[in-house]
Amino acid sequence: MSFHFAALIILASLIASAFFSGAETALTAASRVRIYALQKSGNARAAMVNRLIAQRGRLIGAMLLGGQVVTIAASSLTTNVLVNIVGDRGVVYATAIMTVLVVVFCEVLPKTVAIAYPDRVSLVIAPMVSFFVAIFWPVVATIETIVRALLSLAGLRIGERASMLSGHEELMGAVELLHREGGVARDERDMFGGLLELSELEVSDVMIHRTNMRAIDADLPPPDLVREVLASPYTRLPLWRGDPDNIIGVLHAKDLLRALAAAGGDASKLNIDDIALEAWFVPDTTSVRDQLQAFLRRKTHFALVVDEYGVVQGLVTLEDILEEIVGDIRDEHDVAIQGVRPQPDGSVIVDGSAPVRDLNRTMDWSLPDEEATTIAGLVIHEARTIPEPKQVFTFHGFRFEVLRKSRNRITALRVAPAARPGPAESGAGEDQ
């Protein structure tokens, strides 16, 4: 074999090795979401890429097989040529030369390009890769059978392992990663996160607690009851009779105004029992996603939340659920409640009833919300006691100072990032 012909074969083998190396990297790094979107728009090569990615084991096996064959062939031929030219020292020269050529031009260079432009490279090389996968498949299948047999001897069963993350968790992780890299804005991240977490939340996590729920005594004189409804910022109000826990129905402001107009404006002629709607009670353990679907099916926006004993715990509205996705929604009749008040020293004064999720969203914090819904509940849970005013606790990287307390309820706290983590991270407190 002439030197020039051998050189051409070596060059072709190195180019083929670079192709197989770059193809493996590009196709494993390609974004399945973007490629799928291209396929939906009618891109034939994107469909080819998706088929290759779907059979990832066969793809990687074929690329590794092709790369190893041409690399070994190039190394063997180079060694043979140099041994004929310089004798036994040719083995050393061939090893040094091929190591540099393979590492630089067959591994680092093609993989760098492929990882920088995975989608673009995948679309370009998809037809050729498909050809080689089809050609090498019988050999790859044989190798896979041998490998699986060897692994089974060690007690390993490939293909039986499940993903450690659910689809929702993978999406949440992807959105968070894109946010950190600057590809997704904070508001968009919060909206994605809120939407994905609907199935993990219960209505008790998003409801308006009974202590903040505005209800009306159905036995009030009709004129007084009309004044109560007009003074309320809400259009739907629970009605109780005899005891605030005895909810007998729901009064809609529009229904009341219609009845008032039909009575010629004379409120004394109104019969509230005829105007009130039937109350809808839902368990506090209902998932927020299921409750959203129930609202859509019933074409209503309002439900009362009860515990396992049938005691009313609060109320939930369609707006409460939408706010979990898009953030706080305020209209011209909402009462502005300043539950979060940043201070010049960097701390934040927070109402005890402020939800942890809302605080995280407002301040871009990451306080846990699994064990408690409100910030006061979180402090009580971590402290394992009902703290007194001026007590200070440090946990989860933040310093919590109790400012005010009403009976057994914490009504105000000062929250600030802790100066440095220490032994108090476990939830220990100190008196001031």
Protein backbone atom coordinates (compact mmCIF):
# COMPACT_ATOMS: atom_id res chain seq x y z
CA MET A 1 0.00 0.00 0.00
CA SER A 2 1.44 3.36 -1.03
CA PHE A 3 2.07 6.07 1.54
CA HIS A 4 -0.37 8.49 -0.10
CA PHE A 5 -3.19 5.95 -0.24
CA ALA A 6 -2.61 5.01 3.42
CA ALA A 7 -2.64 8.69 4.37
CA LEU A 8 -6.01 9.16 2.63
CA ILE A 9 -7.48 6.17 4.49
CA ILE A 10 -6.18 7.49 7.82
CA LEU A 11 -7.62 10.95 7.09
CA ALA A 12 -10.99 9.45 6.12
CA SER A 13 -11.00 7.34 9.29
CA LEU A 14 -10.30 10.40 11.47
CA ILE A 15 -13.10 12.35 9.76
CA ALA A 16 -15.48 9.43 10.31
CA SER A 17 -14.43 9.20 13.97
CA ALA A 18 -15.09 12.93 14.41
CA PHE A 19 -18.52 12.48 12.79
CA PHE A 20 -19.55 9.62 15.09
CA SER A 21 -18.28 11.45 18.17
CA GLY A 22 -20.06 14.71 17.32
CA ALA A 23 -23.25 12.92 16.28
CA GLU A 24 -23.53 11.13 19.60
CA THR A 25 -23.05 14.38 21.55
CA ALA A 26 -25.43 16.44 19.39
CA LEU A 27 -28.27 13.94 19.42
CA THR A 28 -28.06 13.31 23.16
CA ALA A 29 -27.90 17.06 23.92
CA ALA A 30 -30.62 18.16 21.49
CA SER A 31 -33.69 19.76 23.04
CA ARG A 32 -36.57 17.35 22.65
CA VAL A 33 -39.04 20.20 23.17
CA ARG A 34 -37.63 22.34 20.32
CA ILE A 35 -37.20 19.36 18.02
CA TYR A 36 -40.77 18.26 18.73
CA ALA A 37 -42.03 21.76 17.94
CA LEU A 38 -40.20 21.63 14.60
CA GLN A 39 -41.70 18.23 13.89
CA LYS A 40 -45.20 19.57 14.59
CA SER A 41 -44.55 22.34 12.07
CA GLY A 42 -43.79 19.71 9.38
CA ASN A 43 -39.99 19.46 9.50
CA ALA A 44 -39.11 15.95 8.20
CA ARG A 45 -35.58 16.01 9.62
CA ALA A 46 -36.94 16.92 13.06
CA ALA A 47 -39.15 13.84 12.91
CA MET A 48 -36.06 11.79 12.03
CA VAL A 49 -34.17 13.26 15.01
CA ASN A 50 -37.06 12.44 17.34
CA ARG A 51 -37.08 8.83 16.15
CA LEU A 52 -33.35 8.58 16.82
CA ILE A 53 -33.68 10.12 20.29
CA ALA A 54 -36.59 7.78 21.11
CA GLN A 55 -34.28 4.80 20.58
CA ARG A 56 -31.37 6.31 22.46
CA GLY A 57 -29.73 2.99 23.35
CA ARG A 58 -29.58 1.87 19.74
CA LEU A 59 -28.29 5.32 18.69
CA ILE A 60 -25.46 5.46 21.25
CA GLY A 61 -24.46 1.86 20.55
CA ALA A 62 -24.21 2.48 16.80
CA MET A 63 -22.22 5.70 17.23
CA LEU A 64 -19.81 4.09 19.70
CA LEU A 65 -19.35 1.07 17.46
CA GLY A 66 -18.67 3.19 14.38
CA GLY A 67 -16.32 5.51 16.25
CA GLN A 68 -14.30 2.69 17.79
CA VAL A 69 -13.96 0.79 14.49
CA VAL A 70 -12.61 3.74 12.50
CA THR A 71 -10.38 4.97 15.35
CA ILE A 72 -8.79 1.54 15.81
CA ALA A 73 -8.39 1.18 12.05
CA ALA A 74 -6.70 4.57 11.76
CA SER A 75 -4.36 3.83 14.70
CA SER A 76 -3.42 0.40 13.32
CA LEU A 77 -2.74 1.72 9.82
CA THR A 78 -0.68 4.64 11.17
CA THR A 79 1.40 2.29 13.27
CA ASN A 80 1.99 0.00 10.29
CA VAL A 81 3.07 2.90 8.04
CA LEU A 82 5.47 4.42 10.58
CA VAL A 83 7.01 1.05 11.50
CA ASN A 84 7.80 0.51 7.78
CA ILE A 85 9.39 3.97 7.59
CA VAL A 86 11.36 4.29 10.88
CA GLY A 87 11.33 0.78 12.31
CA ASP A 88 10.26 -0.15 15.84
CA ARG A 89 10.26 3.47 16.96
CA GLY A 90 7.22 3.88 14.69
CA VAL A 91 5.03 2.38 17.43
CA VAL A 92 5.95 5.24 19.79
CA TYR A 93 5.52 7.87 17.08
CA ALA A 94 2.18 6.43 16.01
CA THR A 95 0.89 6.39 19.59
CA ALA A 96 1.89 10.02 20.18
CA ILE A 97 0.57 11.30 16.84
CA MET A 98 -2.74 9.42 16.97
CA THR A 99 -3.34 10.42 20.58
CA VAL A 100 -3.09 14.10 19.64
CA LEU A 101 -5.14 13.73 16.46
CA VAL A 102 -7.89 11.65 18.05
CA VAL A 103 -8.22 13.75 21.21
CA VAL A 104 -8.13 17.14 19.46
CA PHE A 105 -9.80 16.52 16.11
CA CYS A 106 -11.98 13.45 16.80
CA GLU A 107 -13.18 14.15 20.34
CA VAL A 108 -12.80 17.69 21.69
CA LEU A 109 -13.37 19.64 18.46
CA PRO A 110 -16.51 17.85 17.16
CA LYS A 111 -18.02 17.54 20.62
CA THR A 112 -17.45 21.24 21.32
CA VAL A 113 -19.27 22.18 18.12
CA ALA A 114 -22.03 19.67 18.78
CA ILE A 115 -22.65 20.82 22.35
CA ALA A 116 -22.69 24.47 21.22
CA TYR A 117 -25.26 23.88 18.44
CA PRO A 118 -26.95 20.54 19.29
CA ASP A 119 -30.26 21.19 17.54
CA ARG A 120 -28.72 22.57 14.36
CA VAL A 121 -26.11 19.80 14.11
CA SER A 122 -28.72 17.11 14.83
CA LEU A 123 -30.94 18.27 11.99
CA VAL A 124 -28.01 18.32 9.54
CA ILE A 125 -26.63 14.86 10.34
CA ALA A 126 -29.93 13.04 11.05
CA PRO A 127 -30.20 11.26 7.63
CA MET A 128 -26.61 9.96 7.73
CA VAL A 129 -26.92 8.87 11.35
CA SER A 130 -30.14 7.01 10.57
CA PHE A 131 -28.30 5.15 7.81
CA PHE A 132 -25.48 4.04 10.12
CA VAL A 133 -27.89 3.07 12.91
CA ALA A 134 -29.72 0.81 10.48
CA ILE A 135 -26.46 -0.69 9.18
CA PHE A 136 -24.93 -1.31 12.62
CA TRP A 137 -28.12 -2.44 14.34
CA PRO A 138 -27.54 -6.24 14.07
CA VAL A 139 -24.09 -5.93 15.63
CA VAL A 140 -25.32 -3.48 18.28
CA ALA A 141 -28.22 -5.80 19.19
CA THR A 142 -25.81 -8.69 19.64
CA ILE A 143 -23.52 -6.59 21.84
CA GLU A 144 -26.49 -5.39 23.93
CA THR A 145 -27.61 -8.97 24.49
CA ILE A 146 -24.14 -9.93 25.72
CA VAL A 147 -23.94 -6.84 27.99
CA ARG A 148 -27.39 -7.46 29.50
CA ALA A 149 -26.47 -11.08 30.17
CA LEU A 150 -23.28 -10.04 31.94
CA LEU A 151 -25.11 -7.41 34.00
CA SER A 152 -27.84 -9.86 34.94
CA LEU A 153 -25.17 -12.05 36.49
CA ALA A 154 -24.37 -9.12 38.78
CA GLY A 155 -28.05 -8.68 39.69
CA LEU A 156 -28.66 -5.61 37.52
CA ARG A 157 -31.76 -5.36 35.34
CA ILE A 158 -31.42 -2.60 32.75
CA GLY A 159 -34.73 -1.04 31.73
CA GLU A 160 -36.51 -1.81 35.00
CA ARG A 161 -35.51 1.36 36.80
CA ALA A 162 -38.00 4.19 37.01
CA SER A 163 -37.18 7.86 36.86
CA MET A 164 -36.54 9.42 40.25
CA LEU A 165 -38.43 12.54 39.17
CA SER A 166 -42.02 12.89 38.04
CA GLY A 167 -42.89 14.77 34.88
CA HIS A 168 -43.97 17.78 36.95
CA GLU A 169 -40.71 17.79 38.89
CA GLU A 170 -38.68 17.63 35.69
CA LEU A 171 -40.64 20.56 34.25
CA MET A 172 -40.21 22.54 37.47
CA GLY A 173 -36.48 21.87 37.42
CA ALA A 174 -36.22 22.91 33.77
CA VAL A 175 -38.11 26.16 34.38
CA GLU A 176 -35.98 26.98 37.44
CA LEU A 177 -32.79 26.27 35.50
CA LEU A 178 -33.90 28.46 32.59
CA HIS A 179 -34.75 31.23 35.05
CA ARG A 180 -31.27 31.08 36.60
CA GLU A 181 -29.72 31.16 33.13
CA GLY A 182 -31.81 34.20 32.19
CA GLY A 183 -34.05 32.46 29.65
CA VAL A 184 -37.24 32.76 31.73
CA ALA A 185 -38.29 35.88 33.65
CA ARG A 186 -39.18 35.62 37.33
CA ASP A 187 -42.89 36.31 36.75
CA GLU A 188 -43.03 33.64 34.07
CA ARG A 189 -41.23 31.18 36.35
CA ASP A 190 -43.76 31.86 39.11
CA MET A 191 -46.67 31.34 36.72
CA PHE A 192 -45.25 28.05 35.45
CA GLY A 193 -44.54 26.93 39.00
CA GLY A 194 -48.00 27.89 40.23
CA LEU A 195 -49.64 25.99 37.39
CA LEU A 196 -47.56 22.85 37.93
CA GLU A 197 -48.14 22.86 41.69
CA LEU A 198 -51.95 22.95 41.52
CA SER A 199 -52.18 19.17 41.90
CA GLU A 200 -49.86 19.24 44.94
CA LEU A 201 -51.87 21.88 46.84
CA GLU A 202 -55.07 21.35 48.79
CA VAL A 203 -57.86 23.92 49.04
CA SER A 204 -56.88 24.42 52.68
CA ASP A 205 -53.60 25.91 51.38
CA VAL A 206 -55.29 28.61 49.31
CA MET A 207 -58.60 29.23 51.08
CA ILE A 208 -59.57 32.34 53.02
CA HIS A 209 -59.53 31.18 56.62
CA ARG A 210 -62.70 31.46 58.68
CA THR A 211 -61.06 34.11 60.88
CA ASN A 212 -60.79 36.37 57.81
CA MET A 213 -64.07 35.31 56.21
CA ARG A 214 -66.83 37.91 56.01
CA ALA A 215 -70.29 36.44 56.58
CA ILE A 216 -73.70 38.00 57.27
CA ASP A 217 -76.37 37.12 59.84
CA ALA A 218 -79.42 36.09 57.81
CA ASP A 219 -81.72 37.30 60.64
CA LEU A 220 -80.66 40.93 60.28
CA PRO A 221 -83.45 43.27 59.22
CA PRO A 222 -83.47 43.45 55.40
CA PRO A 223 -82.40 47.15 55.28
CA ASP A 224 -79.41 46.41 57.53
CA LEU A 225 -78.56 43.38 55.46
CA VAL A 226 -78.58 45.46 52.27
CA ARG A 227 -76.23 47.97 53.89
CA GLU A 228 -73.88 45.12 54.91
CA VAL A 229 -73.76 43.81 51.36
CA LEU A 230 -73.13 47.26 49.86
CA ALA A 231 -70.34 47.91 52.38
CA SER A 232 -68.59 44.66 51.52
CA PRO A 233 -65.93 44.51 48.78
CA TYR A 234 -67.18 41.01 47.86
CA THR A 235 -70.06 40.04 45.60
CA ARG A 236 -70.73 36.65 47.24
CA LEU A 237 -71.25 36.45 50.99
CA PRO A 238 -72.05 33.44 53.20
CA LEU A 239 -75.22 33.68 55.27
CA TRP A 240 -75.44 32.20 58.77
CA ARG A 241 -78.31 31.82 61.19
CA GLY A 242 -78.20 31.30 64.93
CA ASP A 243 -74.48 30.47 64.98
CA PRO A 244 -71.67 31.70 62.68
CA ASP A 245 -70.80 28.05 61.97
CA ASN A 246 -74.33 27.37 60.71
CA ILE A 247 -74.02 28.50 57.09
CA ILE A 248 -77.43 28.34 55.41
CA GLY A 249 -76.62 29.76 52.00
CA VAL A 250 -74.72 32.28 49.91
CA LEU A 251 -75.99 35.73 48.99
CA HIS A 252 -74.96 37.20 45.63
CA ALA A 253 -74.99 41.00 45.52
CA LYS A 254 -76.44 40.99 41.99
CA ASP A 255 -79.36 38.77 43.07
CA LEU A 256 -79.99 41.09 46.01
CA LEU A 257 -80.06 44.17 43.75
CA ARG A 258 -82.44 42.45 41.32
CA ALA A 259 -84.81 41.60 44.18
CA LEU A 260 -84.51 45.13 45.55
CA ALA A 261 -85.38 46.59 42.14
CA ALA A 262 -88.35 44.21 41.85
CA ALA A 263 -89.55 45.42 45.28
CA GLY A 264 -89.50 49.02 44.10
CA GLY A 265 -86.51 49.85 46.25
CA ASP A 266 -88.28 48.91 49.48
CA ALA A 267 -85.75 46.73 51.36
CA SER A 268 -88.33 45.78 54.00
CA LYS A 269 -90.18 43.67 51.42
CA LEU A 270 -87.17 41.41 50.79
CA ASN A 271 -87.11 37.78 51.87
CA ILE A 272 -83.48 36.76 52.12
CA ASP A 273 -84.29 33.04 52.16
CA ASP A 274 -85.81 33.37 48.69
CA ILE A 275 -82.79 35.23 47.32
CA ALA A 276 -79.96 33.18 48.82
CA LEU A 277 -78.27 30.46 46.79
CA GLU A 278 -77.57 26.99 48.12
CA ALA A 279 -74.17 26.75 49.77
CA TRP A 280 -71.63 24.38 48.21
CA PHE A 281 -69.35 22.64 50.70
CA VAL A 282 -66.08 20.97 49.68
CA PRO A 283 -63.57 18.99 51.80
CA ASP A 284 -60.41 20.82 52.85
CA THR A 285 -58.32 17.94 51.44
CA THR A 286 -59.54 18.48 47.86
CA SER A 287 -56.63 19.21 45.52
CA VAL A 288 -56.60 22.69 44.01
CA ARG A 289 -56.52 21.21 40.50
CA ASP A 290 -59.64 19.12 41.21
CA GLN A 291 -61.35 22.15 42.72
CA LEU A 292 -60.56 24.22 39.63
CA GLN A 293 -62.12 21.52 37.44
CA ALA A 294 -65.16 21.42 39.76
CA PHE A 295 -65.59 25.20 39.48
CA LEU A 296 -65.53 24.90 35.69
CA ARG A 297 -68.05 22.03 35.66
CA ARG A 298 -70.50 23.72 38.02
CA LYS A 299 -70.00 27.14 36.41
CA THR A 300 -69.64 28.75 39.84
CA HIS A 301 -66.84 30.66 41.55
CA PHE A 302 -67.45 30.11 45.26
CA ALA A 303 -67.31 27.19 47.71
CA LEU A 304 -67.17 26.77 51.48
CA VAL A 305 -64.41 24.55 52.86
CA VAL A 306 -65.16 22.06 55.66
CA ASP A 307 -62.96 19.67 57.62
CA GLU A 308 -63.57 15.96 58.26
CA TYR A 309 -66.11 16.84 60.97
CA GLY A 310 -68.12 19.11 58.67
CA VAL A 311 -67.00 22.30 60.44
CA VAL A 312 -66.51 25.28 58.15
CA GLN A 313 -62.82 26.18 57.93
CA GLY A 314 -63.02 28.93 55.34
CA LEU A 315 -63.98 29.60 51.75
CA VAL A 316 -62.29 29.24 48.39
CA THR A 317 -63.04 31.09 45.16
CA LEU A 318 -61.97 30.73 41.55
CA GLU A 319 -59.95 33.92 41.99
CA ASP A 320 -57.98 32.34 44.86
CA ILE A 321 -56.93 29.50 42.55
CA LEU A 322 -56.07 31.81 39.65
CA GLU A 323 -53.91 33.88 42.02
CA GLU A 324 -51.82 30.76 42.66
CA ILE A 325 -50.91 30.90 38.97
CA VAL A 326 -50.74 34.58 38.03
CA GLY A 327 -50.10 36.20 41.41
CA ASP A 328 -52.20 38.69 43.35
CA ILE A 329 -55.29 39.96 41.50
CA ARG A 330 -56.78 43.21 42.73
CA ASP A 331 -59.72 45.12 41.36
CA GLU A 332 -61.16 48.55 42.17
CA HIS A 333 -63.22 47.16 45.09
CA ASP A 334 -60.50 45.14 46.80
CA VAL A 335 -59.34 46.22 50.22
CA ALA A 336 -55.59 46.80 50.10
CA ILE A 337 -54.09 44.89 53.01
CA GLN A 338 -50.40 45.64 53.50
CA GLY A 339 -49.31 42.23 54.69
CA VAL A 340 -45.67 42.71 53.67
CA ARG A 341 -43.85 45.93 54.54
CA PRO A 342 -40.13 46.16 53.64
CA GLN A 343 -38.04 48.21 56.07
CA PRO A 344 -35.01 50.47 55.40
CA ASP A 345 -32.72 48.09 57.31
CA GLY A 346 -33.46 45.25 54.89
CA SER A 347 -35.92 43.44 57.14
CA VAL A 348 -39.60 42.91 56.37
CA ILE A 349 -42.53 43.32 58.73
CA VAL A 350 -45.08 40.65 57.90
CA ASP A 351 -48.62 40.03 59.11
CA GLY A 352 -48.83 36.65 60.81
CA SER A 353 -51.65 35.60 58.49
CA ALA A 354 -49.57 36.23 55.35
CA PRO A 355 -49.29 32.99 53.33
CA VAL A 356 -45.77 31.61 53.02
CA ARG A 357 -46.28 31.06 49.28
CA ASP A 358 -47.24 34.72 48.75
CA LEU A 359 -44.26 35.87 50.78
CA ASN A 360 -41.90 33.68 48.75
CA ARG A 361 -43.34 35.04 45.52
CA THR A 362 -43.21 38.68 46.66
CA MET A 363 -39.72 38.58 48.16
CA ASP A 364 -38.25 35.83 45.94
CA TRP A 365 -37.54 33.72 49.03
CA SER A 366 -37.73 29.95 49.37
CA LEU A 367 -39.24 29.33 52.80
CA PRO A 368 -40.86 25.86 53.08
CA ASP A 369 -44.64 25.79 52.80
CA GLU A 370 -45.27 22.06 53.28
CA GLU A 371 -45.94 22.11 57.04
CA ALA A 372 -47.64 25.50 57.43
CA THR A 373 -49.73 27.78 55.25
CA THR A 374 -49.03 31.12 56.98
CA ILE A 375 -45.79 32.68 58.17
CA ALA A 376 -47.07 32.56 61.77
CA GLY A 377 -47.82 28.86 61.36
CA LEU A 378 -44.30 28.28 60.06
CA VAL A 379 -42.76 29.96 63.11
CA ILE A 380 -44.97 27.97 65.51
CA HIS A 381 -44.15 24.73 63.67
CA GLU A 382 -40.40 25.33 63.82
CA ALA A 383 -40.41 26.68 67.39
CA ARG A 384 -42.61 23.81 68.65
CA THR A 385 -44.32 26.32 70.92
CA ILE A 386 -46.46 29.45 70.77
CA PRO A 387 -43.85 32.21 71.13
CA GLU A 388 -44.18 35.43 73.03
CA PRO A 389 -43.51 38.95 71.71
CA LYS A 390 -39.80 39.86 71.37
CA GLN A 391 -38.76 36.22 71.04
CA VAL A 392 -36.36 35.62 68.15
CA PHE A 393 -35.89 32.46 66.10
CA THR A 394 -33.48 31.63 63.32
CA PHE A 395 -34.14 28.86 60.84
CA HIS A 396 -34.04 28.23 57.08
CA GLY A 397 -31.52 31.05 56.75
CA PHE A 398 -33.85 33.76 58.16
CA ARG A 399 -34.28 35.55 61.46
CA PHE A 400 -37.86 35.79 62.79
CA GLU A 401 -38.76 38.26 65.55
CA VAL A 402 -42.26 38.11 67.04
CA LEU A 403 -43.60 41.68 67.25
CA ARG A 404 -47.23 41.26 68.28
CA LYS A 405 -49.46 38.50 69.53
CA SER A 406 -53.23 38.32 70.11
CA ARG A 407 -54.22 35.48 72.43
CA ASN A 408 -52.63 32.43 70.80
CA ARG A 409 -52.16 34.04 67.39
CA ILE A 410 -49.02 35.74 66.12
CA THR A 411 -50.21 38.89 64.37
CA ALA A 412 -46.93 40.48 63.26
CA LEU A 413 -43.31 39.44 62.74
CA ARG A 414 -40.08 40.98 61.57
CA VAL A 415 -38.27 38.74 59.08
CA ALA A 416 -34.74 39.26 57.79
CA PRO A 417 -32.07 37.09 56.20
CA ALA A 418 -29.83 35.64 58.89
CA ALA A 419 -26.36 37.16 59.15
CA ARG A 420 -24.77 33.73 58.91
CA PRO A 421 -26.04 30.16 59.36
CA GLY A 422 -25.21 28.56 62.63
CA PRO A 423 -26.47 26.07 65.20
CA ALA A 424 -29.80 27.92 65.34
CA GLU A 425 -30.59 26.71 61.82
CA SER A 426 -32.36 23.75 63.38
CA GLY A 427 -35.06 26.09 64.69
CA ALA A 428 -33.70 27.10 68.09
CA GLY A 429 -34.84 30.41 69.51
CA GLU A 430 -33.58 33.03 71.88
CA ASP A 431 -35.28 35.64 74.01
CA GLN A 432 -34.51 39.30 73.73
